[in-house]
Amino acid sequence: MKTLQSKDICVYIASPYTNGRTSDNVRKQLDAGNILMDHGYTPFIPLLSHYAEIHMHRGEHEWFEWDVVWLRKCDILIRIKAFDDKGNEIYSVGADEEVRIAKEELRIPVYIFENLEELKKWVSTYTHKNLPYHRR
């Protein structure tokens, strides 16, 4: 049996995109991806498609289908919450659906974080020894 290394773990990042300030949402996903990379994980950052969309328009449904294909290849999903200036959580139909797919269809671990500080703490202490190793 193969011994897992952090770099073997593909992590899907789910968070709001169009609800709230789009630029803040994209930046938060990029920051989350960098935190994961700094700890040796291989993140999939769906909101990088924001920059592709600027270059060539595709419908929201098409981007979501593309994201789900990548989600199916990941080992873990992390959900980063977002909050408005008043501290109210920003709702995300897409991120909530990605969480549902990960839990109910793929049965992969899902970790939900209120902020990037929680992610930093988790990633520095998380052990993946009990994670079933698979590639879809």
C-alpha atoms as a PDB file:
ATOM      1  CA  MET A   1       0.000   0.000   0.000  1.00  0.00           C
ATOM      2  CA  LYS A   2       1.250   3.469  -0.871  1.00  0.00           C
ATOM      3  CA  THR A   3       2.291   5.809   1.933  1.00  0.00           C
ATOM      4  CA  LEU A   4       0.496   9.126   1.638  1.00  0.00           C
ATOM      5  CA  GLN A   5       2.383  12.372   1.507  1.00  0.00           C
ATOM      6  CA  SER A   6       0.694  15.777   1.762  1.00  0.00           C
ATOM      7  CA  LYS A   7       1.316  16.444  -1.936  1.00  0.00           C
ATOM      8  CA  ASP A   8      -0.710  13.332  -2.767  1.00  0.00           C
ATOM      9  CA  ILE A   9      -3.813  14.943  -1.226  1.00  0.00           C
ATOM     10  CA  CYS A  10      -5.896  16.943  -3.696  1.00  0.00           C
ATOM     11  CA  VAL A  11      -8.019  19.535  -1.912  1.00  0.00           C
ATOM     12  CA  TYR A  12     -11.043  21.221  -3.483  1.00  0.00           C
ATOM     13  CA  ILE A  13     -11.766  24.734  -2.183  1.00  0.00           C
ATOM     14  CA  ALA A  14     -15.451  25.729  -2.029  1.00  0.00           C
ATOM     15  CA  SER A  15     -16.553  29.265  -1.195  1.00  0.00           C
ATOM     16  CA  PRO A  16     -18.888  32.017  -2.434  1.00  0.00           C
ATOM     17  CA  TYR A  17     -18.154  33.688  -5.752  1.00  0.00           C
ATOM     18  CA  THR A  18     -20.819  36.124  -6.958  1.00  0.00           C
ATOM     19  CA  ASN A  19     -22.519  36.812  -3.608  1.00  0.00           C
ATOM     20  CA  GLY A  20     -20.608  39.463  -1.719  1.00  0.00           C
ATOM     21  CA  ARG A  21     -17.632  41.229  -3.304  1.00  0.00           C
ATOM     22  CA  THR A  22     -16.349  39.013  -6.111  1.00  0.00           C
ATOM     23  CA  SER A  23     -12.776  40.301  -5.854  1.00  0.00           C
ATOM     24  CA  ASP A  24     -12.694  39.520  -2.105  1.00  0.00           C
ATOM     25  CA  ASN A  25     -14.084  36.031  -2.736  1.00  0.00           C
ATOM     26  CA  VAL A  26     -11.476  35.280  -5.414  1.00  0.00           C
ATOM     27  CA  ARG A  27      -8.673  36.614  -3.209  1.00  0.00           C
ATOM     28  CA  LYS A  28      -9.817  34.445  -0.284  1.00  0.00           C
ATOM     29  CA  GLN A  29      -9.715  31.300  -2.426  1.00  0.00           C
ATOM     30  CA  LEU A  30      -6.281  32.199  -3.760  1.00  0.00           C
ATOM     31  CA  ASP A  31      -5.049  32.764  -0.202  1.00  0.00           C
ATOM     32  CA  ALA A  32      -6.530  29.411   0.885  1.00  0.00           C
ATOM     33  CA  GLY A  33      -4.805  27.704  -2.043  1.00  0.00           C
ATOM     34  CA  ASN A  34      -1.478  29.244  -1.072  1.00  0.00           C
ATOM     35  CA  ILE A  35      -1.887  28.126   2.544  1.00  0.00           C
ATOM     36  CA  LEU A  36      -2.512  24.572   1.339  1.00  0.00           C
ATOM     37  CA  MET A  37       0.422  24.681  -1.090  1.00  0.00           C
ATOM     38  CA  ASP A  38       2.707  26.019   1.659  1.00  0.00           C
ATOM     39  CA  HIS A  39       1.905  22.827   3.588  1.00  0.00           C
ATOM     40  CA  GLY A  40       2.484  20.555   0.602  1.00  0.00           C
ATOM     41  CA  TYR A  41      -1.113  19.912  -0.466  1.00  0.00           C
ATOM     42  CA  THR A  42      -2.355  20.113  -4.053  1.00  0.00           C
ATOM     43  CA  PRO A  43      -5.325  22.507  -4.086  1.00  0.00           C
ATOM     44  CA  PHE A  44      -7.901  22.959  -6.806  1.00  0.00           C
ATOM     45  CA  ILE A  45      -8.928  26.639  -6.824  1.00  0.00           C
ATOM     46  CA  PRO A  46     -12.202  26.902  -8.768  1.00  0.00           C
ATOM     47  CA  LEU A  47     -12.340  30.692  -8.660  1.00  0.00           C
ATOM     48  CA  LEU A  48      -9.279  30.900 -10.885  1.00  0.00           C
ATOM     49  CA  SER A  49     -11.940  30.540 -13.587  1.00  0.00           C
ATOM     50  CA  HIS A  50     -12.792  34.181 -12.766  1.00  0.00           C
ATOM     51  CA  TYR A  51      -9.776  35.188 -14.854  1.00  0.00           C
ATOM     52  CA  ALA A  52     -10.641  32.776 -17.664  1.00  0.00           C
ATOM     53  CA  GLU A  53     -14.170  34.213 -17.718  1.00  0.00           C
ATOM     54  CA  ILE A  54     -12.751  37.689 -18.286  1.00  0.00           C
ATOM     55  CA  HIS A  55     -10.974  36.373 -21.371  1.00  0.00           C
ATOM     56  CA  MET A  56     -13.756  34.154 -22.749  1.00  0.00           C
ATOM     57  CA  HIS A  57     -17.336  34.108 -21.489  1.00  0.00           C
ATOM     58  CA  ARG A  58     -18.920  30.808 -20.544  1.00  0.00           C
ATOM     59  CA  GLY A  59     -22.183  30.355 -18.711  1.00  0.00           C
ATOM     60  CA  GLU A  60     -22.303  29.865 -14.958  1.00  0.00           C
ATOM     61  CA  HIS A  61     -23.745  26.362 -15.443  1.00  0.00           C
ATOM     62  CA  GLU A  62     -20.823  25.368 -17.667  1.00  0.00           C
ATOM     63  CA  TRP A  63     -18.279  26.571 -15.109  1.00  0.00           C
ATOM     64  CA  PHE A  64     -20.086  24.691 -12.330  1.00  0.00           C
ATOM     65  CA  GLU A  65     -20.083  21.443 -14.349  1.00  0.00           C
ATOM     66  CA  TRP A  66     -16.350  21.890 -14.934  1.00  0.00           C
ATOM     67  CA  ASP A  67     -15.800  22.424 -11.191  1.00  0.00           C
ATOM     68  CA  VAL A  68     -17.722  19.261 -10.313  1.00  0.00           C
ATOM     69  CA  VAL A  69     -15.525  17.196 -12.641  1.00  0.00           C
ATOM     70  CA  TRP A  70     -12.506  18.417 -10.666  1.00  0.00           C
ATOM     71  CA  LEU A  71     -14.268  17.904  -7.343  1.00  0.00           C
ATOM     72  CA  ARG A  72     -14.730  14.235  -8.255  1.00  0.00           C
ATOM     73  CA  LYS A  73     -10.936  13.924  -8.561  1.00  0.00           C
ATOM     74  CA  CYS A  74     -10.199  15.456  -5.142  1.00  0.00           C
ATOM     75  CA  ASP A  75      -9.675  13.696  -1.826  1.00  0.00           C
ATOM     76  CA  ILE A  76     -10.944  16.427   0.506  1.00  0.00           C
ATOM     77  CA  LEU A  77     -13.233  19.449   0.224  1.00  0.00           C
ATOM     78  CA  ILE A  78     -12.686  22.520   2.345  1.00  0.00           C
ATOM     79  CA  ARG A  79     -15.440  25.133   2.599  1.00  0.00           C
ATOM     80  CA  ILE A  80     -14.346  28.651   3.396  1.00  0.00           C
ATOM     81  CA  LYS A  81     -17.196  30.791   4.672  1.00  0.00           C
ATOM     82  CA  ALA A  82     -17.515  34.471   3.817  1.00  0.00           C
ATOM     83  CA  PHE A  83     -19.109  37.286   5.789  1.00  0.00           C
ATOM     84  CA  ASP A  84     -20.302  40.764   4.873  1.00  0.00           C
ATOM     85  CA  ASP A  85     -19.217  43.970   6.623  1.00  0.00           C
ATOM     86  CA  LYS A  86     -21.933  43.457   9.270  1.00  0.00           C
ATOM     87  CA  GLY A  87     -20.771  39.937  10.117  1.00  0.00           C
ATOM     88  CA  ASN A  88     -23.615  38.152   8.299  1.00  0.00           C
ATOM     89  CA  GLU A  89     -22.665  34.971   6.493  1.00  0.00           C
ATOM     90  CA  ILE A  90     -22.729  35.273   2.707  1.00  0.00           C
ATOM     91  CA  TYR A  91     -24.861  32.491   1.257  1.00  0.00           C
ATOM     92  CA  SER A  92     -23.570  30.437  -1.688  1.00  0.00           C
ATOM     93  CA  VAL A  93     -25.797  28.019  -3.565  1.00  0.00           C
ATOM     94  CA  GLY A  94     -22.832  26.716  -5.575  1.00  0.00           C
ATOM     95  CA  ALA A  95     -20.527  26.096  -2.606  1.00  0.00           C
ATOM     96  CA  ASP A  96     -23.373  24.473  -0.668  1.00  0.00           C
ATOM     97  CA  GLU A  97     -24.056  22.157  -3.609  1.00  0.00           C
ATOM     98  CA  GLU A  98     -20.360  21.252  -3.818  1.00  0.00           C
ATOM     99  CA  VAL A  99     -20.425  20.355  -0.121  1.00  0.00           C
ATOM    100  CA  ARG A 100     -23.527  18.219  -0.685  1.00  0.00           C
ATOM    101  CA  ILE A 101     -21.889  16.367  -3.590  1.00  0.00           C
ATOM    102  CA  ALA A 102     -18.716  15.766  -1.572  1.00  0.00           C
ATOM    103  CA  LYS A 103     -20.627  14.412   1.436  1.00  0.00           C
ATOM    104  CA  GLU A 104     -23.498  12.509  -0.154  1.00  0.00           C
ATOM    105  CA  GLU A 105     -22.214  11.340  -3.526  1.00  0.00           C
ATOM    106  CA  LEU A 106     -18.442  11.157  -3.158  1.00  0.00           C
ATOM    107  CA  ARG A 107     -18.297  10.540   0.597  1.00  0.00           C
ATOM    108  CA  ILE A 108     -15.030  12.430   0.925  1.00  0.00           C
ATOM    109  CA  PRO A 109     -14.077  14.402   4.033  1.00  0.00           C
ATOM    110  CA  VAL A 110     -15.474  17.942   4.233  1.00  0.00           C
ATOM    111  CA  TYR A 111     -13.973  20.569   6.522  1.00  0.00           C
ATOM    112  CA  ILE A 112     -15.688  23.924   7.048  1.00  0.00           C
ATOM    113  CA  PHE A 113     -13.770  26.996   8.166  1.00  0.00           C
ATOM    114  CA  GLU A 114     -15.047  30.366   9.358  1.00  0.00           C
ATOM    115  CA  ASN A 115     -11.864  32.092   8.166  1.00  0.00           C
ATOM    116  CA  LEU A 116      -8.352  31.543   6.864  1.00  0.00           C
ATOM    117  CA  GLU A 117      -6.863  31.545  10.375  1.00  0.00           C
ATOM    118  CA  GLU A 118      -8.865  28.390  11.144  1.00  0.00           C
ATOM    119  CA  LEU A 119      -7.569  26.845   7.910  1.00  0.00           C
ATOM    120  CA  LYS A 120      -3.965  27.685   8.881  1.00  0.00           C
ATOM    121  CA  LYS A 121      -4.417  26.017  12.256  1.00  0.00           C
ATOM    122  CA  TRP A 122      -6.049  22.941  10.719  1.00  0.00           C
ATOM    123  CA  VAL A 123      -3.491  22.484   7.957  1.00  0.00           C
ATOM    124  CA  SER A 124      -0.617  22.629  10.443  1.00  0.00           C
ATOM    125  CA  THR A 125      -2.140  19.869  12.617  1.00  0.00           C
ATOM    126  CA  TYR A 126      -4.182  17.713  10.196  1.00  0.00           C
ATOM    127  CA  THR A 127      -3.103  14.129   9.800  1.00  0.00           C
ATOM    128  CA  HIS A 128      -4.161  12.226   6.713  1.00  0.00           C
ATOM    129  CA  LYS A 129      -3.126   8.768   7.952  1.00  0.00           C
ATOM    130  CA  ASN A 130      -6.722   7.540   8.054  1.00  0.00           C
ATOM    131  CA  LEU A 131      -7.725   9.061   4.737  1.00  0.00           C
ATOM    132  CA  PRO A 132      -8.593   6.384   2.180  1.00  0.00           C
ATOM    133  CA  TYR A 133      -6.218   6.844  -0.732  1.00  0.00           C
ATOM    134  CA  HIS A 134      -7.962   6.784  -4.067  1.00  0.00           C
ATOM    135  CA  ARG A 135      -8.124   8.478  -7.393  1.00  0.00           C
ATOM    136  CA  ARG A 136     -11.461   8.771  -9.075  1.00  0.00           C
END
